[in-house]
Amino acid sequence: MILLQSASGGTSLIFFGLIFAVMYFFMIRPQMKKQKKEASFREALQIGEKVVTIGGIHGKISELGKTTVVLEIHNSGKLKVERSAISMLAQTEIQQN
């Protein structure tokens, strides 16, 4: 505590700058890269692809809107969801041990 009080304003400013730089490179920048990757994945979706939503619903894309997707689910059911709810492409093969 005594060391912080005796430090000059310039040293404190450099210290806070270093903390911000570390936070940027280890937290903010990777999150931004992940968001860009997810956005490009959702923009590249095509009709006929099998996908999984964030909630775990498996379906096949039957219609694409600007912000929504219509999924065909089991027994000819249809479900309209936001593009942001699409998590990943569904795996076509189930690996058995």
PDB file of N, CA and C in Angstrom:
ATOM      1  N   MET A   1       0.825  -1.179   0.000  1.00  0.00           N
ATOM      2  CA  MET A   1       0.000   0.000   0.000  1.00  0.00           C
ATOM      3  C   MET A   1       0.870   1.244   0.000  1.00  0.00           C
ATOM      4  N   ILE A   2       1.953   1.204   0.733  1.00  0.00           N
ATOM      5  CA  ILE A   2       2.856   2.348   0.799  1.00  0.00           C
ATOM      6  C   ILE A   2       3.527   2.555  -0.556  1.00  0.00           C
ATOM      7  N   LEU A   3       3.854   1.452  -1.236  1.00  0.00           N
ATOM      8  CA  LEU A   3       4.501   1.578  -2.538  1.00  0.00           C
ATOM      9  C   LEU A   3       3.589   2.247  -3.562  1.00  0.00           C
ATOM     10  N   LEU A   4       2.294   1.944  -3.543  1.00  0.00           N
ATOM     11  CA  LEU A   4       1.362   2.559  -4.482  1.00  0.00           C
ATOM     12  C   LEU A   4       1.208   4.048  -4.233  1.00  0.00           C
ATOM     13  N   GLN A   5       1.236   4.436  -2.965  1.00  0.00           N
ATOM     14  CA  GLN A   5       1.073   5.848  -2.644  1.00  0.00           C
ATOM     15  C   GLN A   5       2.311   6.638  -3.016  1.00  0.00           C
ATOM     16  N   SER A   6       3.481   6.020  -2.957  1.00  0.00           N
ATOM     17  CA  SER A   6       4.707   6.744  -3.271  1.00  0.00           C
ATOM     18  C   SER A   6       5.034   6.725  -4.766  1.00  0.00           C
ATOM     19  N   ALA A   7       4.326   5.896  -5.541  1.00  0.00           N
ATOM     20  CA  ALA A   7       4.589   5.824  -6.987  1.00  0.00           C
ATOM     21  C   ALA A   7       4.093   7.082  -7.666  1.00  0.00           C
ATOM     22  N   SER A   8       4.796   7.484  -8.695  1.00  0.00           N
ATOM     23  CA  SER A   8       4.390   8.692  -9.416  1.00  0.00           C
ATOM     24  C   SER A   8       3.188   8.400 -10.307  1.00  0.00           C
ATOM     25  N   GLY A   9       2.543   9.446 -10.770  1.00  0.00           N
ATOM     26  CA  GLY A   9       1.369   9.296 -11.633  1.00  0.00           C
ATOM     27  C   GLY A   9       1.723   8.618 -12.942  1.00  0.00           C
ATOM     28  N   GLY A  10       2.903   8.843 -13.457  1.00  0.00           N
ATOM     29  CA  GLY A  10       3.339   8.231 -14.712  1.00  0.00           C
ATOM     30  C   GLY A  10       3.484   6.725 -14.595  1.00  0.00           C
ATOM     31  N   THR A  11       3.999   6.274 -13.471  1.00  0.00           N
ATOM     32  CA  THR A  11       4.164   4.841 -13.244  1.00  0.00           C
ATOM     33  C   THR A  11       2.804   4.159 -13.162  1.00  0.00           C
ATOM     34  N   SER A  12       1.865   4.795 -12.490  1.00  0.00           N
ATOM     35  CA  SER A  12       0.514   4.233 -12.388  1.00  0.00           C
ATOM     36  C   SER A  12      -0.146   4.161 -13.755  1.00  0.00           C
ATOM     37  N   LEU A  13       0.065   5.185 -14.562  1.00  0.00           N
ATOM     38  CA  LEU A  13      -0.509   5.208 -15.904  1.00  0.00           C
ATOM     39  C   LEU A  13       0.066   4.082 -16.767  1.00  0.00           C
ATOM     40  N   ILE A  14       1.358   3.860 -16.665  1.00  0.00           N
ATOM     41  CA  ILE A  14       1.997   2.764 -17.414  1.00  0.00           C
ATOM     42  C   ILE A  14       1.463   1.427 -16.933  1.00  0.00           C
ATOM     43  N   PHE A  15       1.303   1.269 -15.628  1.00  0.00           N
ATOM     44  CA  PHE A  15       0.787   0.033 -15.051  1.00  0.00           C
ATOM     45  C   PHE A  15      -0.614  -0.273 -15.582  1.00  0.00           C
ATOM     46  N   PHE A  16      -1.511   0.734 -15.591  1.00  0.00           N
ATOM     47  CA  PHE A  16      -2.861   0.529 -16.096  1.00  0.00           C
ATOM     48  C   PHE A  16      -2.863   0.268 -17.605  1.00  0.00           C
ATOM     49  N   GLY A  17      -1.951   0.883 -18.320  1.00  0.00           N
ATOM     50  CA  GLY A  17      -1.816   0.623 -19.754  1.00  0.00           C
ATOM     51  C   GLY A  17      -1.414  -0.821 -20.025  1.00  0.00           C
ATOM     52  N   LEU A  18      -0.499  -1.335 -19.229  1.00  0.00           N
ATOM     53  CA  LEU A  18      -0.074  -2.732 -19.369  1.00  0.00           C
ATOM     54  C   LEU A  18      -1.215  -3.686 -19.043  1.00  0.00           C
ATOM     55  N   ILE A  19      -1.982  -3.365 -18.014  1.00  0.00           N
ATOM     56  CA  ILE A  19      -3.127  -4.210 -17.661  1.00  0.00           C
ATOM     57  C   ILE A  19      -4.127  -4.240 -18.812  1.00  0.00           C
ATOM     58  N   PHE A  20      -4.410  -3.087 -19.406  1.00  0.00           N
ATOM     59  CA  PHE A  20      -5.339  -3.031 -20.540  1.00  0.00           C
ATOM     60  C   PHE A  20      -4.806  -3.828 -21.727  1.00  0.00           C
ATOM     61  N   ALA A  21      -3.509  -3.715 -22.011  1.00  0.00           N
ATOM     62  CA  ALA A  21      -2.918  -4.446 -23.137  1.00  0.00           C
ATOM     63  C   ALA A  21      -3.044  -5.952 -22.930  1.00  0.00           C
ATOM     64  N   VAL A  22      -2.779  -6.421 -21.730  1.00  0.00           N
ATOM     65  CA  VAL A  22      -2.898  -7.853 -21.431  1.00  0.00           C
ATOM     66  C   VAL A  22      -4.345  -8.303 -21.583  1.00  0.00           C
ATOM     67  N   MET A  23      -5.283  -7.503 -21.059  1.00  0.00           N
ATOM     68  CA  MET A  23      -6.702  -7.859 -21.192  1.00  0.00           C
ATOM     69  C   MET A  23      -7.113  -7.900 -22.654  1.00  0.00           C
ATOM     70  N   TYR A  24      -6.632  -6.954 -23.458  1.00  0.00           N
ATOM     71  CA  TYR A  24      -6.992  -6.912 -24.871  1.00  0.00           C
ATOM     72  C   TYR A  24      -6.501  -8.162 -25.594  1.00  0.00           C
ATOM     73  N   PHE A  25      -5.235  -8.513 -25.421  1.00  0.00           N
ATOM     74  CA  PHE A  25      -4.665  -9.632 -26.167  1.00  0.00           C
ATOM     75  C   PHE A  25      -5.105 -11.001 -25.663  1.00  0.00           C
ATOM     76  N   PHE A  26      -5.482 -11.122 -24.412  1.00  0.00           N
ATOM     77  CA  PHE A  26      -5.869 -12.423 -23.880  1.00  0.00           C
ATOM     78  C   PHE A  26      -7.362 -12.616 -23.709  1.00  0.00           C
ATOM     79  N   MET A  27      -8.154 -11.531 -23.763  1.00  0.00           N
ATOM     80  CA  MET A  27      -9.590 -11.673 -23.546  1.00  0.00           C
ATOM     81  C   MET A  27     -10.419 -11.069 -24.679  1.00  0.00           C
ATOM     82  N   ILE A  28     -10.208  -9.831 -24.997  1.00  0.00           N
ATOM     83  CA  ILE A  28     -11.061  -9.129 -25.958  1.00  0.00           C
ATOM     84  C   ILE A  28     -10.801  -9.600 -27.381  1.00  0.00           C
ATOM     85  N   ARG A  29      -9.560  -9.639 -27.802  1.00  0.00           N
ATOM     86  CA  ARG A  29      -9.230 -10.004 -29.187  1.00  0.00           C
ATOM     87  C   ARG A  29      -9.660 -11.428 -29.550  1.00  0.00           C
ATOM     88  N   PRO A  30      -9.397 -12.452 -28.713  1.00  0.00           N
ATOM     89  CA  PRO A  30      -9.870 -13.796 -29.057  1.00  0.00           C
ATOM     90  C   PRO A  30     -11.395 -13.883 -29.155  1.00  0.00           C
ATOM     91  N   GLN A  31     -12.110 -13.151 -28.297  1.00  0.00           N
ATOM     92  CA  GLN A  31     -13.567 -13.160 -28.346  1.00  0.00           C
ATOM     93  C   GLN A  31     -14.061 -12.536 -29.648  1.00  0.00           C
ATOM     94  N   MET A  32     -13.418 -11.458 -30.092  1.00  0.00           N
ATOM     95  CA  MET A  32     -13.809 -10.818 -31.350  1.00  0.00           C
ATOM     96  C   MET A  32     -13.564 -11.754 -32.532  1.00  0.00           C
ATOM     97  N   LYS A  33     -12.442 -12.484 -32.518  1.00  0.00           N
ATOM     98  CA  LYS A  33     -12.149 -13.439 -33.587  1.00  0.00           C
ATOM     99  C   LYS A  33     -13.190 -14.553 -33.620  1.00  0.00           C
ATOM    100  N   LYS A  34     -13.594 -15.027 -32.444  1.00  0.00           N
ATOM    101  CA  LYS A  34     -14.599 -16.082 -32.358  1.00  0.00           C
ATOM    102  C   LYS A  34     -15.937 -15.593 -32.909  1.00  0.00           C
ATOM    103  N   GLN A  35     -16.331 -14.365 -32.571  1.00  0.00           N
ATOM    104  CA  GLN A  35     -17.586 -13.815 -33.060  1.00  0.00           C
ATOM    105  C   GLN A  35     -17.575 -13.655 -34.579  1.00  0.00           C
ATOM    106  N   LYS A  36     -16.453 -13.231 -35.148  1.00  0.00           N
ATOM    107  CA  LYS A  36     -16.347 -13.096 -36.608  1.00  0.00           C
ATOM    108  C   LYS A  36     -16.472 -14.458 -37.281  1.00  0.00           C
ATOM    109  N   LYS A  37     -15.837 -15.466 -36.702  1.00  0.00           N
ATOM    110  CA  LYS A  37     -15.892 -16.818 -37.259  1.00  0.00           C
ATOM    111  C   LYS A  37     -17.318 -17.352 -37.238  1.00  0.00           C
ATOM    112  N   GLU A  38     -18.031 -17.149 -36.125  1.00  0.00           N
ATOM    113  CA  GLU A  38     -19.416 -17.605 -36.009  1.00  0.00           C
ATOM    114  C   GLU A  38     -20.318 -16.863 -36.988  1.00  0.00           C
ATOM    115  N   ALA A  39     -20.101 -15.565 -37.153  1.00  0.00           N
ATOM    116  CA  ALA A  39     -20.922 -14.774 -38.077  1.00  0.00           C
ATOM    117  C   ALA A  39     -20.709 -15.230 -39.518  1.00  0.00           C
ATOM    118  N   SER A  40     -19.465 -15.518 -39.894  1.00  0.00           N
ATOM    119  CA  SER A  40     -19.215 -15.982 -41.263  1.00  0.00           C
ATOM    120  C   SER A  40     -19.802 -17.376 -41.472  1.00  0.00           C
ATOM    121  N   PHE A  41     -19.794 -18.232 -40.435  1.00  0.00           N
ATOM    122  CA  PHE A  41     -20.422 -19.551 -40.533  1.00  0.00           C
ATOM    123  C   PHE A  41     -21.915 -19.408 -40.786  1.00  0.00           C
ATOM    124  N   ARG A  42     -22.564 -18.535 -40.044  1.00  0.00           N
ATOM    125  CA  ARG A  42     -24.015 -18.364 -40.187  1.00  0.00           C
ATOM    126  C   ARG A  42     -24.384 -17.733 -41.521  1.00  0.00           C
ATOM    127  N   GLU A  43     -23.535 -16.872 -42.062  1.00  0.00           N
ATOM    128  CA  GLU A  43     -23.805 -16.273 -43.365  1.00  0.00           C
ATOM    129  C   GLU A  43     -23.646 -17.297 -44.495  1.00  0.00           C
ATOM    130  N   ALA A  44     -22.806 -18.298 -44.292  1.00  0.00           N
ATOM    131  CA  ALA A  44     -22.526 -19.290 -45.328  1.00  0.00           C
ATOM    132  C   ALA A  44     -23.508 -20.466 -45.319  1.00  0.00           C
ATOM    133  N   LEU A  45     -24.495 -20.443 -44.434  1.00  0.00           N
ATOM    134  CA  LEU A  45     -25.462 -21.545 -44.380  1.00  0.00           C
ATOM    135  C   LEU A  45     -26.214 -21.667 -45.699  1.00  0.00           C
ATOM    136  N   GLN A  46     -26.520 -22.894 -46.090  1.00  0.00           N
ATOM    137  CA  GLN A  46     -27.217 -23.147 -47.349  1.00  0.00           C
ATOM    138  C   GLN A  46     -28.392 -24.086 -47.105  1.00  0.00           C
ATOM    139  N   ILE A  47     -29.363 -24.014 -48.002  1.00  0.00           N
ATOM    140  CA  ILE A  47     -30.530 -24.894 -47.926  1.00  0.00           C
ATOM    141  C   ILE A  47     -30.068 -26.340 -48.097  1.00  0.00           C
ATOM    142  N   GLY A  48     -30.622 -27.217 -47.267  1.00  0.00           N
ATOM    143  CA  GLY A  48     -30.290 -28.639 -47.331  1.00  0.00           C
ATOM    144  C   GLY A  48     -29.254 -29.080 -46.309  1.00  0.00           C
ATOM    145  N   GLU A  49     -28.569 -28.145 -45.669  1.00  0.00           N
ATOM    146  CA  GLU A  49     -27.573 -28.520 -44.669  1.00  0.00           C
ATOM    147  C   GLU A  49     -28.257 -28.958 -43.377  1.00  0.00           C
ATOM    148  N   LYS A  50     -27.684 -29.951 -42.736  1.00  0.00           N
ATOM    149  CA  LYS A  50     -28.192 -30.424 -41.450  1.00  0.00           C
ATOM    150  C   LYS A  50     -27.434 -29.681 -40.357  1.00  0.00           C
ATOM    151  N   VAL A  51     -28.196 -29.065 -39.446  1.00  0.00           N
ATOM    152  CA  VAL A  51     -27.601 -28.234 -38.410  1.00  0.00           C
ATOM    153  C   VAL A  51     -28.147 -28.590 -37.037  1.00  0.00           C
ATOM    154  N   VAL A  52     -27.489 -28.052 -36.016  1.00  0.00           N
ATOM    155  CA  VAL A  52     -27.915 -28.198 -34.631  1.00  0.00           C
ATOM    156  C   VAL A  52     -28.036 -26.790 -34.053  1.00  0.00           C
ATOM    157  N   THR A  53     -29.143 -26.522 -33.356  1.00  0.00           N
ATOM    158  CA  THR A  53     -29.331 -25.214 -32.735  1.00  0.00           C
ATOM    159  C   THR A  53     -28.642 -25.177 -31.373  1.00  0.00           C
ATOM    160  N   ILE A  54     -28.574 -24.004 -30.802  1.00  0.00           N
ATOM    161  CA  ILE A  54     -27.980 -23.843 -29.479  1.00  0.00           C
ATOM    162  C   ILE A  54     -28.752 -24.665 -28.452  1.00  0.00           C
ATOM    163  N   GLY A  55     -30.055 -24.812 -28.651  1.00  0.00           N
ATOM    164  CA  GLY A  55     -30.883 -25.591 -27.731  1.00  0.00           C
ATOM    165  C   GLY A  55     -30.802 -27.088 -27.957  1.00  0.00           C
ATOM    166  N   GLY A  56     -30.043 -27.531 -28.958  1.00  0.00           N
ATOM    167  CA  GLY A  56     -29.870 -28.955 -29.205  1.00  0.00           C
ATOM    168  C   GLY A  56     -30.842 -29.550 -30.197  1.00  0.00           C
ATOM    169  N   ILE A  57     -31.616 -28.735 -30.903  1.00  0.00           N
ATOM    170  CA  ILE A  57     -32.577 -29.235 -31.893  1.00  0.00           C
ATOM    171  C   ILE A  57     -31.837 -29.520 -33.199  1.00  0.00           C
ATOM    172  N   HIS A  58     -32.017 -30.740 -33.718  1.00  0.00           N
ATOM    173  CA  HIS A  58     -31.406 -31.139 -34.980  1.00  0.00           C
ATOM    174  C   HIS A  58     -32.430 -30.941 -36.088  1.00  0.00           C
ATOM    175  N   GLY A  59     -31.992 -30.387 -37.201  1.00  0.00           N
ATOM    176  CA  GLY A  59     -32.906 -30.188 -38.320  1.00  0.00           C
ATOM    177  C   GLY A  59     -32.150 -29.921 -39.606  1.00  0.00           C
ATOM    178  N   LYS A  60     -32.918 -29.890 -40.689  1.00  0.00           N
ATOM    179  CA  LYS A  60     -32.369 -29.628 -42.016  1.00  0.00           C
ATOM    180  C   LYS A  60     -32.936 -28.295 -42.497  1.00  0.00           C
ATOM    181  N   ILE A  61     -32.074 -27.431 -43.009  1.00  0.00           N
ATOM    182  CA  ILE A  61     -32.504 -26.108 -43.444  1.00  0.00           C
ATOM    183  C   ILE A  61     -33.371 -26.233 -44.685  1.00  0.00           C
ATOM    184  N   SER A  62     -34.605 -25.681 -44.625  1.00  0.00           N
ATOM    185  CA  SER A  62     -35.496 -25.718 -45.782  1.00  0.00           C
ATOM    186  C   SER A  62     -35.714 -24.327 -46.377  1.00  0.00           C
ATOM    187  N   GLU A  63     -35.555 -23.286 -45.571  1.00  0.00           N
ATOM    188  CA  GLU A  63     -35.686 -21.910 -46.055  1.00  0.00           C
ATOM    189  C   GLU A  63     -34.689 -21.029 -45.320  1.00  0.00           C
ATOM    190  N   LEU A  64     -34.166 -20.046 -46.045  1.00  0.00           N
ATOM    191  CA  LEU A  64     -33.247 -19.087 -45.441  1.00  0.00           C
ATOM    192  C   LEU A  64     -33.805 -17.686 -45.592  1.00  0.00           C
ATOM    193  N   GLY A  65     -33.890 -16.969 -44.499  1.00  0.00           N
ATOM    194  CA  GLY A  65     -34.256 -15.565 -44.523  1.00  0.00           C
ATOM    195  C   GLY A  65     -33.037 -14.733 -44.161  1.00  0.00           C
ATOM    196  N   LYS A  66     -33.222 -13.427 -44.115  1.00  0.00           N
ATOM    197  CA  LYS A  66     -32.097 -12.558 -43.772  1.00  0.00           C
ATOM    198  C   LYS A  66     -31.639 -12.797 -42.329  1.00  0.00           C
ATOM    199  N   THR A  67     -32.585 -12.932 -41.411  1.00  0.00           N
ATOM    200  CA  THR A  67     -32.228 -13.147 -40.001  1.00  0.00           C
ATOM    201  C   THR A  67     -32.789 -14.442 -39.438  1.00  0.00           C
ATOM    202  N   THR A  68     -33.603 -15.159 -40.218  1.00  0.00           N
ATOM    203  CA  THR A  68     -34.223 -16.389 -39.719  1.00  0.00           C
ATOM    204  C   THR A  68     -33.924 -17.568 -40.632  1.00  0.00           C
ATOM    205  N   VAL A  69     -34.158 -18.754 -40.082  1.00  0.00           N
ATOM    206  CA  VAL A  69     -33.963 -20.010 -40.807  1.00  0.00           C
ATOM    207  C   VAL A  69     -35.155 -20.904 -40.474  1.00  0.00           C
ATOM    208  N   VAL A  70     -35.687 -21.593 -41.468  1.00  0.00           N
ATOM    209  CA  VAL A  70     -36.746 -22.576 -41.222  1.00  0.00           C
ATOM    210  C   VAL A  70     -36.111 -23.951 -41.290  1.00  0.00           C
ATOM    211  N   LEU A  71     -36.281 -24.708 -40.204  1.00  0.00           N
ATOM    212  CA  LEU A  71     -35.715 -26.054 -40.116  1.00  0.00           C
ATOM    213  C   LEU A  71     -36.816 -27.092 -40.258  1.00  0.00           C
ATOM    214  N   GLU A  72     -36.521 -28.131 -41.017  1.00  0.00           N
ATOM    215  CA  GLU A  72     -37.397 -29.306 -41.061  1.00  0.00           C
ATOM    216  C   GLU A  72     -36.918 -30.236 -39.965  1.00  0.00           C
ATOM    217  N   ILE A  73     -37.844 -30.600 -39.089  1.00  0.00           N
ATOM    218  CA  ILE A  73     -37.488 -31.519 -38.018  1.00  0.00           C
ATOM    219  C   ILE A  73     -38.270 -32.807 -38.205  1.00  0.00           C
ATOM    220  N   HIS A  74     -38.148 -33.732 -37.318  1.00  0.00           N
ATOM    221  CA  HIS A  74     -38.750 -35.067 -37.405  1.00  0.00           C
ATOM    222  C   HIS A  74     -40.243 -35.003 -37.722  1.00  0.00           C
ATOM    223  N   ASN A  75     -40.712 -35.932 -38.550  1.00  0.00           N
ATOM    224  CA  ASN A  75     -42.118 -36.060 -38.951  1.00  0.00           C
ATOM    225  C   ASN A  75     -42.667 -34.813 -39.647  1.00  0.00           C
ATOM    226  N   SER A  76     -41.924 -34.272 -40.552  1.00  0.00           N
ATOM    227  CA  SER A  76     -42.340 -33.134 -41.376  1.00  0.00           C
ATOM    228  C   SER A  76     -42.680 -31.878 -40.587  1.00  0.00           C
ATOM    229  N   GLY A  77     -42.192 -31.753 -39.402  1.00  0.00           N
ATOM    230  CA  GLY A  77     -42.406 -30.546 -38.614  1.00  0.00           C
ATOM    231  C   GLY A  77     -41.468 -29.448 -39.080  1.00  0.00           C
ATOM    232  N   LYS A  78     -41.908 -28.216 -38.957  1.00  0.00           N
ATOM    233  CA  LYS A  78     -41.071 -27.082 -39.333  1.00  0.00           C
ATOM    234  C   LYS A  78     -40.937 -26.160 -38.147  1.00  0.00           C
ATOM    235  N   LEU A  79     -39.774 -25.566 -38.028  1.00  0.00           N
ATOM    236  CA  LEU A  79     -39.468 -24.698 -36.911  1.00  0.00           C
ATOM    237  C   LEU A  79     -38.704 -23.499 -37.435  1.00  0.00           C
ATOM    238  N   LYS A  80     -39.169 -22.300 -37.106  1.00  0.00           N
ATOM    239  CA  LYS A  80     -38.503 -21.078 -37.541  1.00  0.00           C
ATOM    240  C   LYS A  80     -37.651 -20.559 -36.389  1.00  0.00           C
ATOM    241  N   VAL A  81     -36.351 -20.402 -36.627  1.00  0.00           N
ATOM    242  CA  VAL A  81     -35.432 -19.931 -35.592  1.00  0.00           C
ATOM    243  C   VAL A  81     -34.567 -18.799 -36.152  1.00  0.00           C
ATOM    244  N   GLU A  82     -33.976 -18.049 -35.265  1.00  0.00           N
ATOM    245  CA  GLU A  82     -33.042 -17.005 -35.656  1.00  0.00           C
ATOM    246  C   GLU A  82     -31.743 -17.643 -36.141  1.00  0.00           C
ATOM    247  N   ARG A  83     -31.082 -16.980 -37.080  1.00  0.00           N
ATOM    248  CA  ARG A  83     -29.786 -17.487 -37.548  1.00  0.00           C
ATOM    249  C   ARG A  83     -28.795 -17.607 -36.400  1.00  0.00           C
ATOM    250  N   SER A  84     -28.883 -16.681 -35.456  1.00  0.00           N
ATOM    251  CA  SER A  84     -27.946 -16.695 -34.333  1.00  0.00           C
ATOM    252  C   SER A  84     -28.140 -17.914 -33.434  1.00  0.00           C
ATOM    253  N   ALA A  85     -29.252 -18.634 -33.593  1.00  0.00           N
ATOM    254  CA  ALA A  85     -29.501 -19.835 -32.784  1.00  0.00           C
ATOM    255  C   ALA A  85     -28.847 -21.073 -33.382  1.00  0.00           C
ATOM    256  N   ILE A  86     -28.320 -20.966 -34.598  1.00  0.00           N
ATOM    257  CA  ILE A  86     -27.652 -22.117 -35.220  1.00  0.00           C
ATOM    258  C   ILE A  86     -26.258 -22.227 -34.612  1.00  0.00           C
ATOM    259  N   SER A  87     -25.978 -23.393 -34.055  1.00  0.00           N
ATOM    260  CA  SER A  87     -24.722 -23.600 -33.359  1.00  0.00           C
ATOM    261  C   SER A  87     -23.643 -24.205 -34.255  1.00  0.00           C
ATOM    262  N   MET A  88     -24.011 -25.283 -34.974  1.00  0.00           N
ATOM    263  CA  MET A  88     -23.011 -25.994 -35.775  1.00  0.00           C
ATOM    264  C   MET A  88     -23.705 -26.888 -36.786  1.00  0.00           C
ATOM    265  N   LEU A  89     -22.906 -27.414 -37.687  1.00  0.00           N
ATOM    266  CA  LEU A  89     -23.422 -28.411 -38.622  1.00  0.00           C
ATOM    267  C   LEU A  89     -23.571 -29.731 -37.884  1.00  0.00           C
ATOM    268  N   ALA A  90     -24.594 -30.488 -38.224  1.00  0.00           N
ATOM    269  CA  ALA A  90     -24.818 -31.786 -37.584  1.00  0.00           C
ATOM    270  C   ALA A  90     -23.830 -32.803 -38.129  1.00  0.00           C
ATOM    271  N   GLN A  91     -23.405 -33.696 -37.295  1.00  0.00           N
ATOM    272  CA  GLN A  91     -22.516 -34.770 -37.719  1.00  0.00           C
ATOM    273  C   GLN A  91     -23.345 -35.817 -38.438  1.00  0.00           C
ATOM    274  N   THR A  92     -22.900 -36.216 -39.615  1.00  0.00           N
ATOM    275  CA  THR A  92     -23.681 -37.167 -40.399  1.00  0.00           C
ATOM    276  C   THR A  92     -23.448 -38.607 -39.957  1.00  0.00           C
ATOM    277  N   GLU A  93     -22.288 -38.886 -39.397  1.00  0.00           N
ATOM    278  CA  GLU A  93     -22.006 -40.240 -38.950  1.00  0.00           C
ATOM    279  C   GLU A  93     -21.803 -40.252 -37.455  1.00  0.00           C
ATOM    280  N   ILE A  94     -22.316 -41.272 -36.810  1.00  0.00           N
ATOM    281  CA  ILE A  94     -22.104 -41.448 -35.388  1.00  0.00           C
ATOM    282  C   ILE A  94     -21.012 -42.496 -35.221  1.00  0.00           C
ATOM    283  N   GLN A  95     -19.944 -42.122 -34.535  1.00  0.00           N
ATOM    284  CA  GLN A  95     -18.847 -43.055 -34.349  1.00  0.00           C
ATOM    285  C   GLN A  95     -19.199 -44.027 -33.240  1.00  0.00           C
ATOM    286  N   GLN A  96     -18.956 -45.302 -33.515  1.00  0.00           N
ATOM    287  CA  GLN A  96     -19.226 -46.326 -32.519  1.00  0.00           C
ATOM    288  C   GLN A  96     -17.903 -46.923 -32.069  1.00  0.00           C
ATOM    289  N   ASN A  97     -17.812 -47.184 -30.774  1.00  0.00           N
ATOM    290  CA  ASN A  97     -16.577 -47.758 -30.225  1.00  0.00           C
ATOM    291  C   ASN A  97     -16.565 -49.242 -30.342  1.00  0.00           C
TER     292      ASN A  97
END
